[in-house]
N, C-alpha and C. Protein backbone atom coordinates (compact mmCIF):
# COMPACT_ATOMS: atom_id res chain seq x y z
N MET A 1 -192.55 -120.85 0.83
CA MET A 1 -193.86 -121.61 1.45
C MET A 1 -194.46 -122.37 0.19
N HIS A 2 -194.82 -123.56 0.47
CA HIS A 2 -195.46 -124.56 -0.53
C HIS A 2 -196.94 -123.93 -0.73
N HIS A 3 -197.36 -124.46 -1.82
CA HIS A 3 -198.72 -124.09 -2.38
C HIS A 3 -199.76 -124.36 -1.32
N ARG A 4 -199.72 -125.52 -0.62
CA ARG A 4 -200.66 -125.78 0.32
C ARG A 4 -200.55 -124.84 1.55
N ASP A 5 -199.27 -124.58 1.96
CA ASP A 5 -198.83 -123.87 3.13
C ASP A 5 -199.44 -122.32 2.81
N ALA A 6 -199.40 -121.85 1.52
CA ALA A 6 -199.99 -120.53 1.33
C ALA A 6 -201.34 -120.54 1.32
N ARG A 7 -202.05 -121.71 0.99
CA ARG A 7 -203.64 -121.65 1.02
C ARG A 7 -204.03 -121.66 2.38
N VAL A 8 -203.26 -122.40 3.36
CA VAL A 8 -203.64 -122.41 4.81
C VAL A 8 -203.44 -121.08 5.31
N ALA A 9 -202.32 -120.42 5.02
CA ALA A 9 -201.95 -119.16 5.55
C ALA A 9 -203.07 -118.07 5.18
N GLU A 10 -203.45 -118.08 4.02
CA GLU A 10 -204.44 -117.12 3.39
C GLU A 10 -205.82 -117.51 4.05
N GLU A 11 -206.16 -118.69 4.31
CA GLU A 11 -207.48 -119.08 4.99
C GLU A 11 -207.43 -118.56 6.36
N ILE A 12 -206.21 -118.73 7.04
CA ILE A 12 -206.15 -118.29 8.54
C ILE A 12 -206.31 -116.82 8.54
N LYS A 13 -205.71 -116.15 7.62
CA LYS A 13 -205.67 -114.75 7.52
C LYS A 13 -207.28 -114.25 7.50
N GLU A 14 -208.00 -114.80 6.47
CA GLU A 14 -209.35 -114.45 6.27
C GLU A 14 -210.22 -114.81 7.49
N ILE A 15 -210.05 -115.87 8.01
CA ILE A 15 -210.91 -116.25 9.09
C ILE A 15 -210.63 -115.33 10.42
N VAL A 16 -209.29 -115.30 10.75
CA VAL A 16 -208.92 -114.35 11.92
C VAL A 16 -209.48 -113.05 11.66
N SER A 17 -209.34 -112.50 10.57
CA SER A 17 -209.76 -111.12 10.33
C SER A 17 -211.20 -111.00 10.47
N GLN A 18 -211.99 -111.98 10.16
CA GLN A 18 -213.40 -111.97 10.39
C GLN A 18 -213.76 -111.96 11.88
N ILE A 19 -213.11 -112.92 12.57
CA ILE A 19 -213.10 -113.11 14.08
C ILE A 19 -212.90 -111.87 14.84
N ILE A 20 -211.75 -111.21 14.44
CA ILE A 20 -211.45 -109.99 15.14
C ILE A 20 -212.35 -108.91 14.76
N ARG A 21 -212.90 -108.75 13.70
CA ARG A 21 -213.81 -107.73 13.14
C ARG A 21 -215.21 -107.89 13.76
N GLU A 22 -215.66 -109.13 13.87
CA GLU A 22 -217.12 -109.50 14.28
C GLU A 22 -217.30 -110.27 15.68
N ASP A 23 -216.33 -110.80 16.22
CA ASP A 23 -216.75 -111.71 17.18
C ASP A 23 -216.13 -111.37 18.65
N ILE A 24 -214.90 -110.76 18.63
CA ILE A 24 -214.28 -110.50 20.04
C ILE A 24 -215.08 -109.38 20.65
N ARG A 25 -214.97 -109.43 22.11
CA ARG A 25 -215.72 -108.57 22.87
C ARG A 25 -215.53 -107.04 22.59
N HIS A 26 -214.18 -106.80 22.40
CA HIS A 26 -213.86 -105.28 22.16
C HIS A 26 -213.47 -105.34 20.63
N PRO A 27 -214.53 -104.99 19.76
CA PRO A 27 -214.10 -105.05 18.45
C PRO A 27 -213.01 -104.11 18.01
N VAL A 28 -212.14 -104.65 17.11
CA VAL A 28 -211.16 -103.69 16.57
C VAL A 28 -211.48 -103.54 14.99
N THR A 29 -211.97 -102.32 14.58
CA THR A 29 -212.41 -102.16 13.30
C THR A 29 -211.39 -101.67 12.20
N LEU A 30 -210.31 -100.95 12.59
CA LEU A 30 -209.34 -100.30 11.74
C LEU A 30 -208.17 -101.10 11.90
N PHE A 31 -208.02 -102.21 11.16
CA PHE A 31 -206.93 -103.07 11.23
C PHE A 31 -206.73 -103.81 9.95
N SER A 32 -205.69 -104.28 9.58
CA SER A 32 -205.31 -105.24 8.52
C SER A 32 -204.40 -106.31 8.87
N ILE A 33 -204.49 -107.35 8.18
CA ILE A 33 -203.66 -108.58 8.42
C ILE A 33 -202.94 -108.71 7.19
N PRO A 34 -201.69 -108.08 6.95
CA PRO A 34 -201.02 -108.23 5.61
C PRO A 34 -200.51 -109.76 5.31
N TYR A 35 -200.21 -110.42 6.22
CA TYR A 35 -199.76 -111.79 6.03
C TYR A 35 -199.52 -112.63 7.20
N VAL A 36 -199.66 -113.83 7.05
CA VAL A 36 -199.52 -114.85 8.00
C VAL A 36 -198.33 -115.76 7.71
N LYS A 37 -197.48 -116.10 8.65
CA LYS A 37 -196.28 -116.83 8.50
C LYS A 37 -196.48 -118.16 9.22
N LEU A 38 -196.30 -119.25 8.63
CA LEU A 38 -196.53 -120.60 9.18
C LEU A 38 -195.23 -121.28 9.22
N THR A 39 -195.01 -122.07 10.49
CA THR A 39 -193.78 -122.80 10.44
C THR A 39 -193.92 -124.00 9.54
N LEU A 40 -192.89 -124.71 9.22
CA LEU A 40 -192.90 -125.74 8.26
C LEU A 40 -194.01 -126.95 8.55
N ASP A 41 -193.96 -127.17 9.89
CA ASP A 41 -194.98 -128.15 10.29
C ASP A 41 -196.42 -127.68 10.58
N LEU A 42 -196.58 -126.43 10.35
CA LEU A 42 -197.98 -125.74 10.49
C LEU A 42 -198.41 -125.72 11.92
N SER A 43 -197.39 -125.85 12.84
CA SER A 43 -197.78 -125.85 14.24
C SER A 43 -197.93 -124.48 14.85
N ILE A 44 -197.30 -123.51 14.21
CA ILE A 44 -197.32 -122.01 14.65
C ILE A 44 -197.66 -121.07 13.65
N ALA A 45 -198.71 -120.32 13.73
CA ALA A 45 -198.92 -119.24 12.71
C ALA A 45 -198.63 -117.94 13.45
N THR A 46 -197.79 -117.08 12.88
CA THR A 46 -197.48 -115.86 13.25
C THR A 46 -198.38 -114.99 12.25
N ILE A 47 -199.16 -114.16 13.10
CA ILE A 47 -200.15 -113.24 12.31
C ILE A 47 -199.69 -111.87 12.49
N TYR A 48 -199.42 -111.20 11.35
CA TYR A 48 -198.82 -109.82 11.34
C TYR A 48 -200.02 -108.99 11.25
N ILE A 49 -200.19 -107.98 12.14
CA ILE A 49 -201.43 -107.07 12.20
C ILE A 49 -200.95 -105.64 12.17
N SER A 50 -201.69 -104.86 11.20
CA SER A 50 -201.43 -103.44 11.26
C SER A 50 -202.70 -102.75 11.90
N LEU A 51 -202.47 -101.89 12.78
CA LEU A 51 -203.55 -101.23 13.48
C LEU A 51 -203.61 -99.78 13.04
N PHE A 52 -204.80 -99.28 12.83
CA PHE A 52 -205.06 -98.01 12.31
C PHE A 52 -205.78 -96.95 13.20
N GLY A 53 -206.40 -97.48 14.24
CA GLY A 53 -207.23 -96.74 15.10
C GLY A 53 -206.58 -95.80 15.93
N LYS A 54 -207.39 -94.95 16.88
CA LYS A 54 -206.80 -93.96 17.73
C LYS A 54 -206.02 -94.50 18.74
N GLN A 55 -206.22 -95.86 19.24
CA GLN A 55 -205.50 -96.40 20.20
C GLN A 55 -204.90 -97.81 19.88
N PRO A 56 -204.01 -97.71 18.95
CA PRO A 56 -203.45 -99.17 18.46
C PRO A 56 -202.88 -99.87 19.53
N GLY A 57 -202.23 -99.35 20.52
CA GLY A 57 -201.72 -100.32 21.58
C GLY A 57 -202.88 -101.03 22.31
N GLN A 58 -203.96 -100.21 22.61
CA GLN A 58 -205.03 -100.78 23.40
C GLN A 58 -205.76 -101.95 22.48
N ASP A 59 -205.91 -101.49 21.21
CA ASP A 59 -206.54 -102.59 20.36
C ASP A 59 -205.65 -103.87 20.30
N PHE A 60 -204.39 -103.80 20.15
CA PHE A 60 -203.41 -104.90 20.19
C PHE A 60 -203.51 -105.70 21.44
N ASP A 61 -203.78 -105.00 22.62
CA ASP A 61 -203.96 -105.61 23.89
C ASP A 61 -205.36 -106.47 23.90
N TYR A 62 -206.29 -105.90 23.23
CA TYR A 62 -207.63 -106.64 23.18
C TYR A 62 -207.44 -107.94 22.30
N ILE A 63 -206.70 -107.78 21.30
CA ILE A 63 -206.43 -108.93 20.49
C ILE A 63 -205.70 -109.98 21.21
N LEU A 64 -204.71 -109.60 21.87
CA LEU A 64 -203.92 -110.58 22.69
C LEU A 64 -204.65 -111.14 23.81
N GLN A 65 -205.64 -110.41 24.45
CA GLN A 65 -206.40 -110.95 25.49
C GLN A 65 -207.45 -112.06 24.90
N ALA A 66 -207.91 -111.82 23.63
CA ALA A 66 -208.84 -112.77 22.94
C ALA A 66 -208.14 -113.80 22.19
N LYS A 67 -206.81 -114.04 22.41
CA LYS A 67 -206.10 -115.00 21.60
C LYS A 67 -206.60 -116.40 21.58
N GLY A 68 -206.92 -116.89 22.89
CA GLY A 68 -207.52 -118.19 23.05
C GLY A 68 -208.87 -118.35 22.30
N TYR A 69 -209.79 -117.24 22.50
CA TYR A 69 -211.05 -117.30 21.95
C TYR A 69 -210.93 -117.37 20.41
N ILE A 70 -210.00 -116.57 19.80
CA ILE A 70 -209.73 -116.47 18.45
C ILE A 70 -209.31 -117.80 17.86
N ARG A 71 -208.39 -118.54 18.53
CA ARG A 71 -207.97 -119.82 18.14
C ARG A 71 -209.02 -120.88 18.27
N SER A 72 -210.02 -120.78 19.20
CA SER A 72 -211.09 -121.77 19.28
C SER A 72 -212.10 -121.49 18.22
N GLN A 73 -212.36 -120.37 17.89
CA GLN A 73 -213.29 -120.12 16.89
C GLN A 73 -212.58 -120.53 15.45
N LEU A 74 -211.18 -120.22 15.24
CA LEU A 74 -210.40 -120.62 14.08
C LEU A 74 -210.64 -122.17 13.89
N ALA A 75 -210.64 -122.91 15.10
CA ALA A 75 -210.67 -124.33 15.01
C ALA A 75 -212.01 -124.73 14.46
N GLN A 76 -213.00 -123.97 14.79
CA GLN A 76 -214.40 -124.45 14.34
C GLN A 76 -214.64 -124.09 12.88
N LYS A 77 -213.80 -123.17 12.29
CA LYS A 77 -214.08 -122.67 10.96
C LYS A 77 -213.05 -123.13 9.83
N ILE A 78 -212.02 -123.79 10.39
CA ILE A 78 -211.03 -124.20 9.28
C ILE A 78 -210.98 -125.60 9.33
N ARG A 79 -210.51 -126.19 8.12
CA ARG A 79 -210.44 -127.66 7.94
C ARG A 79 -208.98 -128.12 7.87
N ILE A 80 -208.45 -128.11 8.97
CA ILE A 80 -206.98 -128.81 9.07
C ILE A 80 -206.94 -129.74 10.24
N ARG A 81 -206.09 -130.59 10.39
CA ARG A 81 -206.03 -131.67 11.30
C ARG A 81 -205.78 -130.93 12.76
N LYS A 82 -204.81 -130.09 12.83
CA LYS A 82 -204.43 -129.38 14.07
C LYS A 82 -204.38 -127.96 13.86
N VAL A 83 -205.05 -127.18 14.67
CA VAL A 83 -205.02 -125.73 14.53
C VAL A 83 -203.73 -125.25 15.12
N PRO A 84 -203.02 -124.40 14.42
CA PRO A 84 -201.70 -123.98 14.79
C PRO A 84 -201.86 -122.92 16.11
N GLU A 85 -200.83 -122.89 16.77
CA GLU A 85 -200.66 -121.99 17.82
C GLU A 85 -200.59 -120.56 17.27
N LEU A 86 -201.26 -119.48 17.76
CA LEU A 86 -201.26 -118.19 17.23
C LEU A 86 -200.38 -117.32 17.95
N ILE A 87 -199.59 -116.68 17.15
CA ILE A 87 -198.71 -115.57 17.71
C ILE A 87 -199.03 -114.21 17.00
N PHE A 88 -199.43 -113.25 17.63
CA PHE A 88 -199.89 -112.01 16.98
C PHE A 88 -198.48 -111.06 17.04
N GLN A 89 -198.27 -110.39 15.95
CA GLN A 89 -197.06 -109.62 15.93
C GLN A 89 -197.55 -108.38 15.20
N ARG A 90 -197.23 -107.14 15.83
CA ARG A 90 -197.73 -105.85 15.15
C ARG A 90 -196.69 -105.67 13.97
N ASP A 91 -197.37 -105.35 12.80
CA ASP A 91 -196.68 -105.17 11.55
C ASP A 91 -195.90 -103.84 11.59
N ALA A 92 -194.63 -103.66 11.52
CA ALA A 92 -193.96 -102.41 11.65
C ALA A 92 -193.78 -101.65 10.29
N ALA A 93 -194.26 -102.31 9.30
CA ALA A 93 -193.92 -101.75 7.95
C ALA A 93 -194.66 -100.23 7.88
N LEU A 94 -195.78 -100.08 8.29
CA LEU A 94 -196.35 -98.85 8.16
C LEU A 94 -195.63 -97.82 9.11
N ALA A 95 -195.32 -98.03 10.22
CA ALA A 95 -194.57 -97.32 11.15
C ALA A 95 -193.26 -96.86 10.54
N ASP A 96 -192.57 -97.93 9.99
CA ASP A 96 -191.25 -97.60 9.30
C ASP A 96 -191.50 -96.65 8.14
N GLY A 97 -192.49 -96.92 7.39
CA GLY A 97 -192.80 -96.01 6.23
C GLY A 97 -193.05 -94.60 6.57
N ASP A 98 -193.74 -94.44 7.66
CA ASP A 98 -194.06 -93.07 8.20
C ASP A 98 -192.72 -92.49 8.68
N ALA A 99 -191.94 -93.17 9.40
CA ALA A 99 -190.59 -92.53 9.77
C ALA A 99 -189.75 -92.12 8.50
N ILE A 100 -189.70 -92.89 7.50
CA ILE A 100 -189.06 -92.59 6.25
C ILE A 100 -189.65 -91.23 5.68
N VAL A 101 -190.87 -91.25 5.58
CA VAL A 101 -191.51 -89.98 4.98
C VAL A 101 -191.12 -88.90 5.78
N ASP A 102 -191.28 -88.98 7.20
CA ASP A 102 -190.91 -87.90 7.97
C ASP A 102 -189.44 -87.42 7.78
N LYS A 103 -188.51 -88.28 7.77
CA LYS A 103 -187.09 -87.93 7.40
C LYS A 103 -186.98 -87.24 6.09
N LEU A 104 -187.61 -87.74 5.11
CA LEU A 104 -187.50 -87.14 3.83
C LEU A 104 -188.06 -85.71 3.91
N ALA A 105 -189.13 -85.53 4.58
CA ALA A 105 -189.64 -84.21 4.73
C ALA A 105 -188.87 -83.29 5.38
N ASP A 106 -187.89 -83.69 6.29
CA ASP A 106 -186.92 -82.92 7.01
C ASP A 106 -185.80 -82.47 6.14
N LEU A 107 -185.52 -83.27 5.12
CA LEU A 107 -184.47 -82.96 4.40
C LEU A 107 -184.41 -81.56 3.70
N PRO A 108 -183.38 -80.77 3.67
CA PRO A 108 -183.28 -79.35 2.88
C PRO A 108 -183.39 -79.65 1.43
N LEU A 109 -184.21 -78.95 0.79
CA LEU A 109 -184.28 -78.87 -0.61
C LEU A 109 -183.17 -77.96 -1.24
N SER A 110 -182.43 -78.53 -2.22
CA SER A 110 -181.37 -77.77 -2.86
C SER A 110 -181.90 -77.25 -4.14
N GLU A 111 -181.65 -76.02 -4.45
CA GLU A 111 -182.16 -75.43 -5.68
C GLU A 111 -180.95 -75.48 -6.69
N HIS A 112 -181.11 -75.80 -7.85
CA HIS A 112 -179.99 -75.77 -8.86
C HIS A 112 -180.30 -74.79 -9.83
């Protein structure tokens, strides 16, 4: 990713985090956006989101329902010619990490 693209991705990450935290109808409080991936032409931003609440599926649905609103708010707060289409993707890194920890915990310990 070029320097400019990385700056735009970071700005999108910060603004979208603020919008989700403060502006959508059903606020999602326990989440993080580890990274945003932009297409080369900056037309699509894939936003990877980790959810930590009691109902992560429901929180993700709230975010998907508010996608148009989030994009319109982003358009008002960011300084780029064309606001990218937003795609929200659940970040599986935490779930994958938990699965690995669970598997390691199930391994028998050998004594030497």
